[in-house]
Amino acid sequence: MKVIKEFRNKKPGFVIDIHDALAPSPAAIAAGTKPQESPSELADHLHQSDLLVLDYNLEGPGGLRGKKAREILRMVLSNNHFNLIIVHTGEDDLDEVMAECLLSLMQSCTSQFDGKLLAELKLLDDILDEMGDEEEFDRNHLSNIFSTQEYLEVRQKDALGIASFMRGEGRLAPLQKWGKDLGLKGGS
């Protein structure tokens, strides 16, 4: 309340909107049901705030680990009216929260690929699924040798990291070795 009062005392005052993202949507209430607002419905009335404090753990303990908050973050950042968004969380690993938020805002790499490469990736994914069914491959092992942080660094157009990966050197060498151990071959 002290912060809100301070915002209201400014001349001109800051725009303050307090909203419970877990509340049912107005359309749902009118229809006599109580589903929660979608992220896009929520973003529609959070359109002209100077500051948004977003609770990362909207689902509560044991929830979806920030999924709804990341969807809201993506929706509100698609408009031009926010000056600042602060993500509040009780999570222990803040680096992981930051990485998850960044990932949710990034466009998929595959959106830039042509049809031939997408077909090759689909084939690779099918092969890895088969290997997983036969317990020859564990997708979880991949996160041990290629962290989210390394992925984000590579996505920043880390040409040196990619070049050293292609040579089987540097911090991504274990990823290349893992691919070779699986029998994967580099393509053109």
N, C-alpha and C. Protein backbone atom coordinates (compact mmCIF):
# COMPACT_ATOMS: atom_id res chain seq x y z
N MET A 1 0.82 -1.20 0.00
CA MET A 1 0.00 0.00 0.00
C MET A 1 0.87 1.26 0.00
N LYS A 2 2.01 1.18 0.67
CA LYS A 2 2.89 2.35 0.72
C LYS A 2 3.38 2.72 -0.68
N VAL A 3 3.75 1.72 -1.47
CA VAL A 3 4.22 1.96 -2.84
C VAL A 3 3.08 2.53 -3.67
N ILE A 4 1.89 1.97 -3.55
CA ILE A 4 0.73 2.44 -4.32
C ILE A 4 0.42 3.90 -3.95
N LYS A 5 0.44 4.22 -2.67
CA LYS A 5 0.19 5.60 -2.25
C LYS A 5 1.23 6.55 -2.83
N GLU A 6 2.48 6.12 -2.83
CA GLU A 6 3.55 6.95 -3.39
C GLU A 6 3.31 7.20 -4.88
N PHE A 7 2.90 6.16 -5.61
CA PHE A 7 2.60 6.31 -7.03
C PHE A 7 1.45 7.31 -7.23
N ARG A 8 0.44 7.21 -6.39
CA ARG A 8 -0.73 8.09 -6.52
C ARG A 8 -0.41 9.53 -6.16
N ASN A 9 0.60 9.77 -5.30
CA ASN A 9 0.95 11.12 -4.87
C ASN A 9 1.77 11.87 -5.92
N LYS A 10 2.33 11.17 -6.89
CA LYS A 10 3.11 11.83 -7.95
C LYS A 10 2.21 12.74 -8.77
N LYS A 11 2.78 13.82 -9.28
CA LYS A 11 2.02 14.74 -10.14
C LYS A 11 2.73 14.84 -11.48
N PRO A 12 2.24 14.30 -12.57
CA PRO A 12 1.01 13.52 -12.62
C PRO A 12 1.25 12.12 -12.05
N GLY A 13 0.21 11.54 -11.55
CA GLY A 13 0.30 10.22 -10.94
C GLY A 13 0.57 9.13 -11.96
N PHE A 14 1.21 8.08 -11.50
CA PHE A 14 1.45 6.93 -12.36
C PHE A 14 0.17 6.12 -12.50
N VAL A 15 0.00 5.47 -13.64
CA VAL A 15 -1.14 4.60 -13.85
C VAL A 15 -0.92 3.33 -13.04
N ILE A 16 -1.90 2.99 -12.21
CA ILE A 16 -1.79 1.80 -11.37
C ILE A 16 -2.99 0.90 -11.66
N ASP A 17 -2.71 -0.34 -11.94
CA ASP A 17 -3.77 -1.32 -12.17
C ASP A 17 -3.38 -2.57 -11.41
N ILE A 18 -4.23 -2.98 -10.50
CA ILE A 18 -3.97 -4.20 -9.74
C ILE A 18 -4.97 -5.23 -10.22
N HIS A 19 -4.46 -6.36 -10.63
CA HIS A 19 -5.34 -7.37 -11.21
C HIS A 19 -4.91 -8.76 -10.75
N ASP A 20 -5.89 -9.57 -10.46
CA ASP A 20 -5.66 -10.96 -10.09
C ASP A 20 -5.74 -11.81 -11.35
N ALA A 21 -4.60 -12.26 -11.83
CA ALA A 21 -4.56 -13.02 -13.08
C ALA A 21 -5.26 -14.36 -12.96
N LEU A 22 -5.56 -14.79 -11.74
CA LEU A 22 -6.25 -16.07 -11.56
C LEU A 22 -7.77 -15.89 -11.50
N ALA A 23 -8.22 -14.64 -11.58
CA ALA A 23 -9.66 -14.38 -11.53
C ALA A 23 -10.31 -14.84 -12.84
N PRO A 24 -11.61 -15.20 -12.77
CA PRO A 24 -12.30 -15.58 -14.01
C PRO A 24 -12.43 -14.39 -14.95
N SER A 25 -12.49 -14.66 -16.23
CA SER A 25 -12.62 -13.58 -17.21
C SER A 25 -14.02 -12.99 -17.15
N PRO A 26 -14.19 -11.71 -17.51
CA PRO A 26 -15.53 -11.10 -17.52
C PRO A 26 -16.51 -11.85 -18.42
N ALA A 27 -16.03 -12.34 -19.56
CA ALA A 27 -16.89 -13.10 -20.47
C ALA A 27 -17.36 -14.39 -19.80
N ALA A 28 -16.45 -15.03 -19.04
CA ALA A 28 -16.81 -16.28 -18.36
C ALA A 28 -17.84 -16.02 -17.27
N ILE A 29 -17.68 -14.92 -16.54
CA ILE A 29 -18.63 -14.59 -15.48
C ILE A 29 -20.01 -14.32 -16.10
N ALA A 30 -20.05 -13.57 -17.21
CA ALA A 30 -21.30 -13.26 -17.90
C ALA A 30 -21.99 -14.53 -18.38
N ALA A 31 -21.19 -15.53 -18.77
CA ALA A 31 -21.75 -16.80 -19.26
C ALA A 31 -22.08 -17.76 -18.12
N GLY A 32 -21.76 -17.35 -16.89
CA GLY A 32 -22.07 -18.20 -15.74
C GLY A 32 -21.03 -19.27 -15.45
N THR A 33 -19.86 -19.18 -16.11
CA THR A 33 -18.78 -20.13 -15.84
C THR A 33 -17.66 -19.38 -15.15
N LYS A 34 -16.60 -20.08 -14.75
CA LYS A 34 -15.51 -19.40 -14.04
C LYS A 34 -14.12 -19.77 -14.54
N PRO A 35 -13.90 -19.95 -15.85
CA PRO A 35 -12.52 -20.19 -16.28
C PRO A 35 -11.68 -18.92 -16.16
N GLN A 36 -10.40 -19.12 -15.97
CA GLN A 36 -9.48 -17.98 -15.83
C GLN A 36 -9.30 -17.29 -17.17
N GLU A 37 -8.88 -16.03 -17.08
CA GLU A 37 -8.60 -15.28 -18.30
C GLU A 37 -7.42 -15.90 -19.03
N SER A 38 -7.49 -15.83 -20.35
CA SER A 38 -6.34 -16.26 -21.14
C SER A 38 -5.30 -15.14 -21.08
N PRO A 39 -4.05 -15.45 -21.41
CA PRO A 39 -3.03 -14.39 -21.42
C PRO A 39 -3.39 -13.23 -22.33
N SER A 40 -4.02 -13.50 -23.47
CA SER A 40 -4.38 -12.39 -24.37
C SER A 40 -5.50 -11.55 -23.78
N GLU A 41 -6.49 -12.16 -23.09
CA GLU A 41 -7.54 -11.39 -22.42
C GLU A 41 -6.92 -10.51 -21.33
N LEU A 42 -5.99 -11.08 -20.58
CA LEU A 42 -5.33 -10.33 -19.53
C LEU A 42 -4.54 -9.16 -20.11
N ALA A 43 -3.80 -9.41 -21.17
CA ALA A 43 -2.98 -8.36 -21.78
C ALA A 43 -3.85 -7.24 -22.34
N ASP A 44 -5.10 -7.55 -22.73
CA ASP A 44 -5.98 -6.52 -23.28
C ASP A 44 -6.27 -5.41 -22.27
N HIS A 45 -6.38 -5.72 -20.99
CA HIS A 45 -6.65 -4.63 -20.05
C HIS A 45 -5.43 -4.22 -19.23
N LEU A 46 -4.28 -4.74 -19.59
CA LEU A 46 -3.01 -4.26 -19.02
C LEU A 46 -2.28 -3.47 -20.10
N HIS A 47 -2.96 -2.54 -20.72
CA HIS A 47 -2.40 -1.94 -21.92
C HIS A 47 -1.75 -0.58 -21.75
N GLN A 48 -1.89 0.08 -20.61
CA GLN A 48 -1.24 1.38 -20.50
C GLN A 48 -0.69 1.59 -19.10
N SER A 49 0.12 0.69 -18.66
CA SER A 49 0.73 0.82 -17.34
C SER A 49 2.17 1.26 -17.49
N ASP A 50 2.64 2.01 -16.50
CA ASP A 50 4.05 2.39 -16.48
C ASP A 50 4.90 1.26 -15.94
N LEU A 51 4.32 0.46 -15.08
CA LEU A 51 5.04 -0.63 -14.43
C LEU A 51 4.12 -1.82 -14.27
N LEU A 52 4.61 -2.98 -14.61
CA LEU A 52 3.88 -4.22 -14.38
C LEU A 52 4.76 -5.09 -13.49
N VAL A 53 4.22 -5.49 -12.35
CA VAL A 53 4.89 -6.47 -11.50
C VAL A 53 4.16 -7.78 -11.75
N LEU A 54 4.86 -8.72 -12.33
CA LEU A 54 4.27 -9.98 -12.77
C LEU A 54 4.75 -11.11 -11.86
N ASP A 55 3.81 -11.81 -11.26
CA ASP A 55 4.14 -12.95 -10.41
C ASP A 55 4.44 -14.15 -11.29
N TYR A 56 5.66 -14.65 -11.21
CA TYR A 56 6.09 -15.78 -12.03
C TYR A 56 5.37 -17.06 -11.63
N ASN A 57 4.94 -17.16 -10.39
CA ASN A 57 4.34 -18.38 -9.86
C ASN A 57 2.82 -18.23 -9.73
N LEU A 58 2.17 -17.79 -10.80
CA LEU A 58 0.72 -17.56 -10.77
C LEU A 58 -0.07 -18.82 -10.44
N GLU A 59 0.44 -19.96 -10.84
CA GLU A 59 -0.28 -21.20 -10.63
C GLU A 59 -0.18 -21.71 -9.20
N GLY A 60 0.67 -21.07 -8.40
CA GLY A 60 0.85 -21.50 -7.02
C GLY A 60 1.86 -22.63 -6.92
N PRO A 61 2.09 -23.11 -5.68
CA PRO A 61 3.05 -24.19 -5.49
C PRO A 61 2.64 -25.45 -6.27
N GLY A 62 3.63 -26.06 -6.89
CA GLY A 62 3.37 -27.28 -7.66
C GLY A 62 2.68 -27.01 -8.97
N GLY A 63 2.64 -25.74 -9.41
CA GLY A 63 1.98 -25.37 -10.65
C GLY A 63 2.83 -25.65 -11.86
N LEU A 64 2.67 -24.82 -12.87
CA LEU A 64 3.33 -25.01 -14.15
C LEU A 64 4.67 -24.30 -14.26
N ARG A 65 5.24 -23.91 -13.15
CA ARG A 65 6.56 -23.29 -13.08
C ARG A 65 6.69 -22.09 -14.02
N GLY A 66 5.74 -21.17 -13.93
CA GLY A 66 5.84 -19.92 -14.65
C GLY A 66 5.26 -19.90 -16.05
N LYS A 67 4.61 -20.98 -16.47
CA LYS A 67 4.11 -21.04 -17.84
C LYS A 67 3.13 -19.90 -18.13
N LYS A 68 2.15 -19.69 -17.26
CA LYS A 68 1.17 -18.63 -17.50
C LYS A 68 1.84 -17.26 -17.47
N ALA A 69 2.75 -17.04 -16.55
CA ALA A 69 3.46 -15.76 -16.47
C ALA A 69 4.26 -15.50 -17.75
N ARG A 70 4.90 -16.53 -18.28
CA ARG A 70 5.66 -16.35 -19.52
C ARG A 70 4.74 -16.04 -20.70
N GLU A 71 3.55 -16.64 -20.72
CA GLU A 71 2.58 -16.33 -21.77
C GLU A 71 2.12 -14.88 -21.66
N ILE A 72 1.86 -14.43 -20.43
CA ILE A 72 1.45 -13.04 -20.20
C ILE A 72 2.58 -12.10 -20.61
N LEU A 73 3.79 -12.42 -20.23
CA LEU A 73 4.97 -11.61 -20.58
C LEU A 73 5.06 -11.45 -22.09
N ARG A 74 4.91 -12.55 -22.81
CA ARG A 74 4.97 -12.51 -24.28
C ARG A 74 3.86 -11.62 -24.85
N MET A 75 2.65 -11.73 -24.29
CA MET A 75 1.52 -10.95 -24.80
C MET A 75 1.70 -9.46 -24.52
N VAL A 76 2.06 -9.09 -23.29
CA VAL A 76 2.15 -7.66 -22.97
C VAL A 76 3.35 -7.00 -23.66
N LEU A 77 4.40 -7.75 -23.91
CA LEU A 77 5.55 -7.16 -24.60
C LEU A 77 5.30 -6.97 -26.10
N SER A 78 4.18 -7.52 -26.58
CA SER A 78 3.86 -7.31 -27.99
C SER A 78 3.20 -5.95 -28.21
N ASN A 79 2.86 -5.24 -27.13
CA ASN A 79 2.35 -3.87 -27.30
C ASN A 79 3.44 -2.88 -26.88
N ASN A 80 3.23 -1.62 -27.18
CA ASN A 80 4.28 -0.62 -26.96
C ASN A 80 4.03 0.28 -25.75
N HIS A 81 3.18 -0.13 -24.82
CA HIS A 81 2.77 0.77 -23.76
C HIS A 81 3.47 0.54 -22.42
N PHE A 82 4.34 -0.44 -22.33
CA PHE A 82 4.97 -0.73 -21.06
C PHE A 82 6.35 -0.09 -20.99
N ASN A 83 6.62 0.51 -19.85
CA ASN A 83 7.95 1.05 -19.61
C ASN A 83 8.83 0.04 -18.91
N LEU A 84 8.22 -0.77 -18.02
CA LEU A 84 9.01 -1.69 -17.21
C LEU A 84 8.15 -2.86 -16.75
N ILE A 85 8.70 -4.04 -16.84
CA ILE A 85 8.04 -5.23 -16.30
C ILE A 85 9.02 -5.87 -15.33
N ILE A 86 8.57 -6.06 -14.12
CA ILE A 86 9.37 -6.74 -13.09
C ILE A 86 8.75 -8.10 -12.87
N VAL A 87 9.56 -9.13 -12.94
CA VAL A 87 9.08 -10.49 -12.70
C VAL A 87 9.44 -10.85 -11.26
N HIS A 88 8.42 -11.12 -10.47
CA HIS A 88 8.59 -11.50 -9.07
C HIS A 88 8.47 -13.02 -8.98
N THR A 89 9.38 -13.65 -8.25
CA THR A 89 9.32 -15.11 -8.14
C THR A 89 9.87 -15.57 -6.80
N GLY A 90 9.41 -16.72 -6.41
CA GLY A 90 9.94 -17.38 -5.22
C GLY A 90 10.85 -18.54 -5.61
N GLU A 91 11.11 -18.69 -6.90
CA GLU A 91 11.96 -19.78 -7.38
C GLU A 91 13.38 -19.59 -6.84
N ASP A 92 14.05 -20.69 -6.58
CA ASP A 92 15.42 -20.65 -6.07
C ASP A 92 16.44 -20.28 -7.14
N ASP A 93 16.25 -20.79 -8.36
CA ASP A 93 17.23 -20.59 -9.43
C ASP A 93 16.79 -19.44 -10.34
N LEU A 94 17.27 -18.24 -10.04
CA LEU A 94 16.88 -17.06 -10.81
C LEU A 94 17.43 -17.10 -12.23
N ASP A 95 18.59 -17.73 -12.43
CA ASP A 95 19.15 -17.87 -13.78
C ASP A 95 18.20 -18.68 -14.66
N GLU A 96 17.62 -19.73 -14.08
CA GLU A 96 16.69 -20.56 -14.83
C GLU A 96 15.42 -19.77 -15.18
N VAL A 97 14.92 -18.99 -14.23
CA VAL A 97 13.73 -18.16 -14.48
C VAL A 97 14.02 -17.18 -15.61
N MET A 98 15.17 -16.52 -15.55
CA MET A 98 15.54 -15.57 -16.59
C MET A 98 15.65 -16.26 -17.95
N ALA A 99 16.29 -17.41 -17.98
CA ALA A 99 16.45 -18.15 -19.24
C ALA A 99 15.09 -18.56 -19.80
N GLU A 100 14.20 -19.05 -18.93
CA GLU A 100 12.87 -19.45 -19.39
C GLU A 100 12.09 -18.26 -19.93
N CYS A 101 12.20 -17.11 -19.28
CA CYS A 101 11.53 -15.90 -19.77
C CYS A 101 12.09 -15.50 -21.14
N LEU A 102 13.42 -15.52 -21.29
CA LEU A 102 14.03 -15.18 -22.57
C LEU A 102 13.60 -16.16 -23.67
N LEU A 103 13.61 -17.45 -23.35
CA LEU A 103 13.19 -18.45 -24.34
C LEU A 103 11.76 -18.22 -24.80
N SER A 104 10.89 -17.83 -23.87
CA SER A 104 9.49 -17.63 -24.23
C SER A 104 9.30 -16.43 -25.16
N LEU A 105 10.27 -15.53 -25.18
CA LEU A 105 10.18 -14.33 -26.02
C LEU A 105 10.86 -14.51 -27.38
N MET A 106 11.59 -15.60 -27.53
CA MET A 106 12.35 -15.80 -28.77
C MET A 106 11.51 -16.51 -29.83
N GLN A 107 11.78 -16.16 -31.07
CA GLN A 107 11.15 -16.84 -32.20
C GLN A 107 11.89 -18.15 -32.42
N SER A 108 11.18 -19.18 -32.78
CA SER A 108 11.78 -20.49 -33.03
C SER A 108 12.79 -20.41 -34.18
N CYS A 109 13.90 -21.11 -34.02
CA CYS A 109 14.89 -21.18 -35.10
C CYS A 109 14.28 -21.79 -36.36
N THR A 110 13.41 -22.77 -36.15
CA THR A 110 12.85 -23.49 -37.30
C THR A 110 11.97 -22.61 -38.17
N SER A 111 11.52 -21.47 -37.65
CA SER A 111 10.70 -20.57 -38.47
C SER A 111 11.50 -19.98 -39.63
N GLN A 112 12.81 -20.08 -39.56
CA GLN A 112 13.67 -19.53 -40.61
C GLN A 112 14.20 -20.61 -41.56
N PHE A 113 13.81 -21.87 -41.33
CA PHE A 113 14.33 -22.97 -42.15
C PHE A 113 13.42 -23.23 -43.35
N ASP A 114 14.05 -23.74 -44.42
CA ASP A 114 13.25 -24.10 -45.59
C ASP A 114 12.62 -25.49 -45.40
N GLY A 115 11.75 -25.86 -46.31
CA GLY A 115 11.02 -27.12 -46.21
C GLY A 115 11.91 -28.35 -46.17
N LYS A 116 13.00 -28.34 -46.94
CA LYS A 116 13.92 -29.49 -46.98
C LYS A 116 14.55 -29.71 -45.61
N LEU A 117 15.03 -28.64 -45.01
CA LEU A 117 15.66 -28.76 -43.70
C LEU A 117 14.65 -29.16 -42.63
N LEU A 118 13.43 -28.63 -42.72
CA LEU A 118 12.38 -29.01 -41.76
C LEU A 118 12.06 -30.50 -41.87
N ALA A 119 12.04 -31.02 -43.11
CA ALA A 119 11.78 -32.45 -43.31
C ALA A 119 12.91 -33.29 -42.71
N GLU A 120 14.16 -32.83 -42.88
CA GLU A 120 15.30 -33.55 -42.31
C GLU A 120 15.25 -33.54 -40.78
N LEU A 121 14.86 -32.42 -40.21
CA LEU A 121 14.72 -32.33 -38.75
C LEU A 121 13.61 -33.25 -38.24
N LYS A 122 12.52 -33.33 -38.99
CA LYS A 122 11.41 -34.22 -38.61
C LYS A 122 11.88 -35.67 -38.64
N LEU A 123 12.64 -36.02 -39.66
CA LEU A 123 13.19 -37.38 -39.77
C LEU A 123 14.12 -37.67 -38.59
N LEU A 124 14.99 -36.73 -38.26
CA LEU A 124 15.90 -36.89 -37.13
C LEU A 124 15.09 -37.06 -35.83
N ASP A 125 14.07 -36.26 -35.65
CA ASP A 125 13.24 -36.34 -34.45
C ASP A 125 12.56 -37.72 -34.36
N ASP A 126 12.10 -38.23 -35.50
CA ASP A 126 11.48 -39.57 -35.52
C ASP A 126 12.49 -40.65 -35.15
N ILE A 127 13.73 -40.52 -35.67
CA ILE A 127 14.79 -41.48 -35.35
C ILE A 127 15.10 -41.44 -33.86
N LEU A 128 15.20 -40.23 -33.30
CA LEU A 128 15.49 -40.10 -31.87
C LEU A 128 14.34 -40.64 -31.02
N ASP A 129 13.11 -40.45 -31.48
CA ASP A 129 11.96 -41.04 -30.77
C ASP A 129 12.05 -42.56 -30.75
N GLU A 130 12.39 -43.13 -31.91
CA GLU A 130 12.55 -44.59 -32.00
C GLU A 130 13.65 -45.07 -31.06
N MET A 131 14.77 -44.37 -31.07
CA MET A 131 15.89 -44.75 -30.21
C MET A 131 15.48 -44.62 -28.74
N GLY A 132 14.66 -43.61 -28.43
CA GLY A 132 14.18 -43.45 -27.06
C GLY A 132 13.27 -44.59 -26.65
N ASP A 133 12.43 -45.05 -27.59
CA ASP A 133 11.54 -46.18 -27.31
C ASP A 133 12.33 -47.45 -27.02
N GLU A 134 13.47 -47.57 -27.70
CA GLU A 134 14.33 -48.75 -27.52
C GLU A 134 15.37 -48.53 -26.42
N GLU A 135 15.24 -47.41 -25.69
CA GLU A 135 16.12 -47.05 -24.58
C GLU A 135 17.59 -46.92 -25.00
N GLU A 136 17.82 -46.52 -26.25
CA GLU A 136 19.17 -46.25 -26.74
C GLU A 136 19.49 -44.76 -26.65
N PHE A 137 18.48 -43.97 -26.30
CA PHE A 137 18.62 -42.51 -26.30
C PHE A 137 17.73 -41.94 -25.21
N ASP A 138 18.27 -40.97 -24.47
CA ASP A 138 17.50 -40.30 -23.42
C ASP A 138 17.59 -38.79 -23.66
N ARG A 139 16.48 -38.19 -24.04
CA ARG A 139 16.47 -36.74 -24.34
C ARG A 139 16.92 -35.91 -23.13
N ASN A 140 16.67 -36.40 -21.93
CA ASN A 140 17.08 -35.67 -20.73
C ASN A 140 18.59 -35.53 -20.64
N HIS A 141 19.32 -36.49 -21.20
CA HIS A 141 20.79 -36.44 -21.19
C HIS A 141 21.29 -35.22 -21.96
N LEU A 142 20.54 -34.81 -22.95
CA LEU A 142 20.93 -33.66 -23.77
C LEU A 142 21.10 -32.39 -22.92
N SER A 143 20.22 -32.20 -21.93
CA SER A 143 20.33 -30.99 -21.10
C SER A 143 21.60 -30.99 -20.25
N ASN A 144 22.19 -32.18 -20.02
CA ASN A 144 23.45 -32.25 -19.27
C ASN A 144 24.64 -31.79 -20.10
N ILE A 145 24.55 -31.92 -21.41
CA ILE A 145 25.69 -31.56 -22.26
C ILE A 145 25.46 -30.31 -23.09
N PHE A 146 24.22 -29.80 -23.09
CA PHE A 146 23.89 -28.58 -23.82
C PHE A 146 22.85 -27.83 -23.02
N SER A 147 23.32 -26.94 -22.16
CA SER A 147 22.44 -26.24 -21.23
C SER A 147 21.62 -25.16 -21.93
N THR A 148 20.59 -24.73 -21.27
CA THR A 148 19.76 -23.63 -21.78
C THR A 148 20.61 -22.39 -21.97
N GLN A 149 21.52 -22.14 -21.05
CA GLN A 149 22.40 -20.96 -21.17
C GLN A 149 23.26 -21.05 -22.43
N GLU A 150 23.79 -22.24 -22.71
CA GLU A 150 24.60 -22.40 -23.93
C GLU A 150 23.74 -22.20 -25.17
N TYR A 151 22.51 -22.69 -25.13
CA TYR A 151 21.59 -22.49 -26.24
C TYR A 151 21.36 -20.99 -26.48
N LEU A 152 21.11 -20.25 -25.39
CA LEU A 152 20.89 -18.81 -25.52
C LEU A 152 22.12 -18.10 -26.08
N GLU A 153 23.30 -18.54 -25.67
CA GLU A 153 24.53 -17.94 -26.19
C GLU A 153 24.69 -18.21 -27.68
N VAL A 154 24.38 -19.43 -28.10
CA VAL A 154 24.48 -19.77 -29.52
C VAL A 154 23.46 -18.96 -30.32
N ARG A 155 22.27 -18.77 -29.75
CA ARG A 155 21.23 -18.00 -30.44
C ARG A 155 21.61 -16.53 -30.60
N GLN A 156 22.57 -16.05 -29.83
CA GLN A 156 23.04 -14.67 -29.97
C GLN A 156 24.04 -14.55 -31.12
N LYS A 157 23.97 -15.48 -32.03
CA LYS A 157 24.86 -15.48 -33.20
C LYS A 157 26.31 -15.64 -32.79
N ASP A 158 26.54 -16.62 -31.91
CA ASP A 158 27.88 -16.90 -31.40
C ASP A 158 28.64 -17.69 -32.46
N ALA A 159 29.17 -16.99 -33.47
CA ALA A 159 29.84 -17.65 -34.59
C ALA A 159 31.05 -18.46 -34.14
N LEU A 160 31.81 -17.96 -33.16
CA LEU A 160 32.99 -18.69 -32.68
C LEU A 160 32.56 -19.99 -32.01
N GLY A 161 31.50 -19.94 -31.21
CA GLY A 161 31.01 -21.15 -30.55
C GLY A 161 30.52 -22.18 -31.54
N ILE A 162 29.84 -21.73 -32.58
CA ILE A 162 29.33 -22.65 -33.59
C ILE A 162 30.48 -23.24 -34.39
N ALA A 163 31.46 -22.42 -34.76
CA ALA A 163 32.61 -22.92 -35.51
C ALA A 163 33.39 -23.95 -34.70
N SER A 164 33.59 -23.67 -33.40
CA SER A 164 34.33 -24.64 -32.59
C SER A 164 33.50 -25.91 -32.39
N PHE A 165 32.18 -25.79 -32.32
CA PHE A 165 31.31 -26.97 -32.24
C PHE A 165 31.50 -27.84 -33.48
N MET A 166 31.52 -27.20 -34.65
CA MET A 166 31.66 -27.95 -35.90
C MET A 166 33.01 -28.69 -35.95
N ARG A 167 34.02 -28.14 -35.30
CA ARG A 167 35.33 -28.80 -35.26
C ARG A 167 35.44 -29.79 -34.09
N GLY A 168 34.42 -29.84 -33.24
CA GLY A 168 34.46 -30.73 -32.08
C GLY A 168 35.34 -30.19 -30.96
N GLU A 169 35.44 -28.86 -30.89
CA GLU A 169 36.29 -28.21 -29.89
C GLU A 169 35.43 -27.31 -29.00
N GLY A 170 36.04 -26.81 -27.95
CA GLY A 170 35.39 -25.81 -27.11
C GLY A 170 34.30 -26.36 -26.21
N ARG A 171 33.51 -25.45 -25.68
CA ARG A 171 32.52 -25.82 -24.67
C ARG A 171 31.39 -26.68 -25.22
N LEU A 172 31.20 -26.68 -26.56
CA LEU A 172 30.14 -27.50 -27.15
C LEU A 172 30.67 -28.84 -27.69
N ALA A 173 31.93 -29.14 -27.44
CA ALA A 173 32.52 -30.40 -27.91
C ALA A 173 31.74 -31.62 -27.40
N PRO A 174 31.27 -31.63 -26.14
CA PRO A 174 30.50 -32.80 -25.69
C PRO A 174 29.21 -33.01 -26.49
N LEU A 175 28.63 -31.94 -26.99
CA LEU A 175 27.42 -32.06 -27.80
C LEU A 175 27.74 -32.74 -29.13
N GLN A 176 28.84 -32.35 -29.75
CA GLN A 176 29.22 -32.99 -31.00
C GLN A 176 29.57 -34.47 -30.78
N LYS A 177 30.29 -34.76 -29.71
CA LYS A 177 30.65 -36.15 -29.40
C LYS A 177 29.39 -36.98 -29.17
N TRP A 178 28.43 -36.42 -28.46
CA TRP A 178 27.17 -37.10 -28.20
C TRP A 178 26.47 -37.45 -29.51
N GLY A 179 26.43 -36.49 -30.45
CA GLY A 179 25.81 -36.74 -31.75
C GLY A 179 26.52 -37.83 -32.51
N LYS A 180 27.85 -37.80 -32.50
CA LYS A 180 28.63 -38.83 -33.19
C LYS A 180 28.41 -40.20 -32.56
N ASP A 181 28.36 -40.24 -31.21
CA ASP A 181 28.11 -41.50 -30.51
C ASP A 181 26.76 -42.10 -30.88
N LEU A 182 25.80 -41.23 -31.19
CA LEU A 182 24.47 -41.70 -31.60
C LEU A 182 24.45 -42.14 -33.06
N GLY A 183 25.53 -41.83 -33.78
CA GLY A 183 25.59 -42.19 -35.19
C GLY A 183 25.08 -41.08 -36.10
N LEU A 184 24.91 -39.89 -35.56
CA LEU A 184 24.45 -38.77 -36.38
C LEU A 184 25.63 -38.22 -37.16
N LYS A 185 25.36 -37.81 -38.39
CA LYS A 185 26.40 -37.25 -39.24
C LYS A 185 26.03 -35.82 -39.57
N GLY A 186 27.04 -34.97 -39.64
CA GLY A 186 26.82 -33.57 -40.02
C GLY A 186 26.31 -33.47 -41.42
N GLY A 187 25.47 -32.47 -41.67
CA GLY A 187 24.92 -32.31 -43.02
C GLY A 187 25.37 -31.01 -43.64
N SER A 188 24.94 -30.79 -44.85
CA SER A 188 25.32 -29.57 -45.55
C SER A 188 24.25 -28.52 -45.37
